[in-house]
Amino acid sequence: MRVASIVGIILVVVGIALLAYYTDPIRLMLRDFEPHKTNPAPRVLGGLALVGGIALLYVTRQRD
C-alpha cells in the first residue's frame, strides 16, 4: 500500500469517528441546548476529514 492510501484510510476513519461521536442522538438529547455553548467545529472537521480521505483514496486509485 502507498502512503497516500494509508493516510486516506486514516482520514476516513477519523472523520467517521468524529461525526459519530459528536452527532450521537442520546448525547445531544441530554446536553444543555444553549446556542452560545454549541460548537460546530468538530462536526465540520469530521466532515472535512471524511471528504478529504475519500478524495485521497480516489486519486490514489486513479493512478494505479
C-alpha atoms as a PDB file:
ATOM      1  CA  MET A   1       0.000   0.000   0.000  1.00  0.00           C
ATOM      2  CA  ARG A   2       1.118   3.501  -0.689  1.00  0.00           C
ATOM      3  CA  VAL A   3       1.485   6.122   1.991  1.00  0.00           C
ATOM      4  CA  ALA A   4      -1.282   8.219   0.416  1.00  0.00           C
ATOM      5  CA  SER A   5      -3.706   5.287   0.630  1.00  0.00           C
ATOM      6  CA  ILE A   6      -2.904   4.735   4.290  1.00  0.00           C
ATOM      7  CA  VAL A   7      -3.380   8.434   5.064  1.00  0.00           C
ATOM      8  CA  GLY A   8      -6.687   8.371   3.167  1.00  0.00           C
ATOM      9  CA  ILE A   9      -7.930   5.404   5.174  1.00  0.00           C
ATOM     10  CA  ILE A  10      -6.896   7.085   8.429  1.00  0.00           C
ATOM     11  CA  LEU A  11      -8.718  10.284   7.444  1.00  0.00           C
ATOM     12  CA  VAL A  12     -11.883   8.350   6.610  1.00  0.00           C
ATOM     13  CA  VAL A  13     -11.805   6.519   9.947  1.00  0.00           C
ATOM     14  CA  VAL A  14     -11.145   9.713  11.920  1.00  0.00           C
ATOM     15  CA  GLY A  15     -13.896  11.551  10.031  1.00  0.00           C
ATOM     16  CA  ILE A  16     -16.437   8.823  10.710  1.00  0.00           C
ATOM     17  CA  ALA A  17     -15.420   8.658  14.373  1.00  0.00           C
ATOM     18  CA  LEU A  18     -15.771  12.428  14.831  1.00  0.00           C
ATOM     19  CA  LEU A  19     -19.147  12.532  13.118  1.00  0.00           C
ATOM     20  CA  ALA A  20     -20.421   9.542  15.085  1.00  0.00           C
ATOM     21  CA  TYR A  21     -19.268  10.900  18.436  1.00  0.00           C
ATOM     22  CA  TYR A  22     -20.491  14.471  18.028  1.00  0.00           C
ATOM     23  CA  THR A  23     -23.853  13.579  16.474  1.00  0.00           C
ATOM     24  CA  ASP A  24     -24.848  10.852  18.943  1.00  0.00           C
ATOM     25  CA  PRO A  25     -28.609  11.372  19.455  1.00  0.00           C
ATOM     26  CA  ILE A  26     -28.627  10.396  23.136  1.00  0.00           C
ATOM     27  CA  ARG A  27     -25.721  12.698  23.868  1.00  0.00           C
ATOM     28  CA  LEU A  28     -27.492  15.526  22.042  1.00  0.00           C
ATOM     29  CA  MET A  29     -30.738  14.994  23.959  1.00  0.00           C
ATOM     30  CA  LEU A  30     -29.026  15.068  27.340  1.00  0.00           C
ATOM     31  CA  ARG A  31     -26.955  18.145  26.591  1.00  0.00           C
ATOM     32  CA  ASP A  32     -27.948  21.660  27.516  1.00  0.00           C
ATOM     33  CA  PHE A  33     -29.104  23.382  24.300  1.00  0.00           C
ATOM     34  CA  GLU A  34     -27.920  26.925  24.765  1.00  0.00           C
ATOM     35  CA  PRO A  35     -26.966  28.467  21.403  1.00  0.00           C
ATOM     36  CA  HIS A  36     -23.794  30.119  22.653  1.00  0.00           C
ATOM     37  CA  LYS A  37     -22.432  26.836  24.050  1.00  0.00           C
ATOM     38  CA  THR A  38     -22.680  24.698  20.927  1.00  0.00           C
ATOM     39  CA  ASN A  39     -19.535  24.328  18.857  1.00  0.00           C
ATOM     40  CA  PRO A  40     -19.911  23.026  15.288  1.00  0.00           C
ATOM     41  CA  ALA A  41     -16.123  22.776  14.735  1.00  0.00           C
ATOM     42  CA  PRO A  42     -15.754  19.024  15.495  1.00  0.00           C
ATOM     43  CA  ARG A  43     -18.566  18.130  13.106  1.00  0.00           C
ATOM     44  CA  VAL A  44     -17.134  20.349  10.376  1.00  0.00           C
ATOM     45  CA  LEU A  45     -13.655  18.914  10.888  1.00  0.00           C
ATOM     46  CA  GLY A  46     -15.065  15.386  10.837  1.00  0.00           C
ATOM     47  CA  GLY A  47     -16.840  16.075   7.562  1.00  0.00           C
ATOM     48  CA  LEU A  48     -13.730  17.621   6.045  1.00  0.00           C
ATOM     49  CA  ALA A  49     -11.595  14.674   7.156  1.00  0.00           C
ATOM     50  CA  LEU A  50     -14.098  12.238   5.661  1.00  0.00           C
ATOM     51  CA  VAL A  51     -14.328  14.070   2.331  1.00  0.00           C
ATOM     52  CA  GLY A  52     -10.554  14.576   2.198  1.00  0.00           C
ATOM     53  CA  GLY A  53      -9.908  10.899   2.907  1.00  0.00           C
ATOM     54  CA  ILE A  54     -12.337   9.771   0.220  1.00  0.00           C
ATOM     55  CA  ALA A  55     -10.804  12.198  -2.274  1.00  0.00           C
ATOM     56  CA  LEU A  56      -7.297  11.000  -1.434  1.00  0.00           C
ATOM     57  CA  LEU A  57      -8.329   7.367  -1.873  1.00  0.00           C
ATOM     58  CA  TYR A  58      -9.987   8.202  -5.189  1.00  0.00           C
ATOM     59  CA  VAL A  59      -6.912   9.998  -6.511  1.00  0.00           C
ATOM     60  CA  THR A  60      -4.561   7.172  -5.481  1.00  0.00           C
ATOM     61  CA  ARG A  61      -6.821   4.564  -7.119  1.00  0.00           C
ATOM     62  CA  GLN A  62      -6.843   6.523 -10.376  1.00  0.00           C
ATOM     63  CA  ARG A  63      -3.042   6.449 -10.569  1.00  0.00           C
ATOM     64  CA  ASP A  64      -2.786   2.662 -10.187  1.00  0.00           C
END
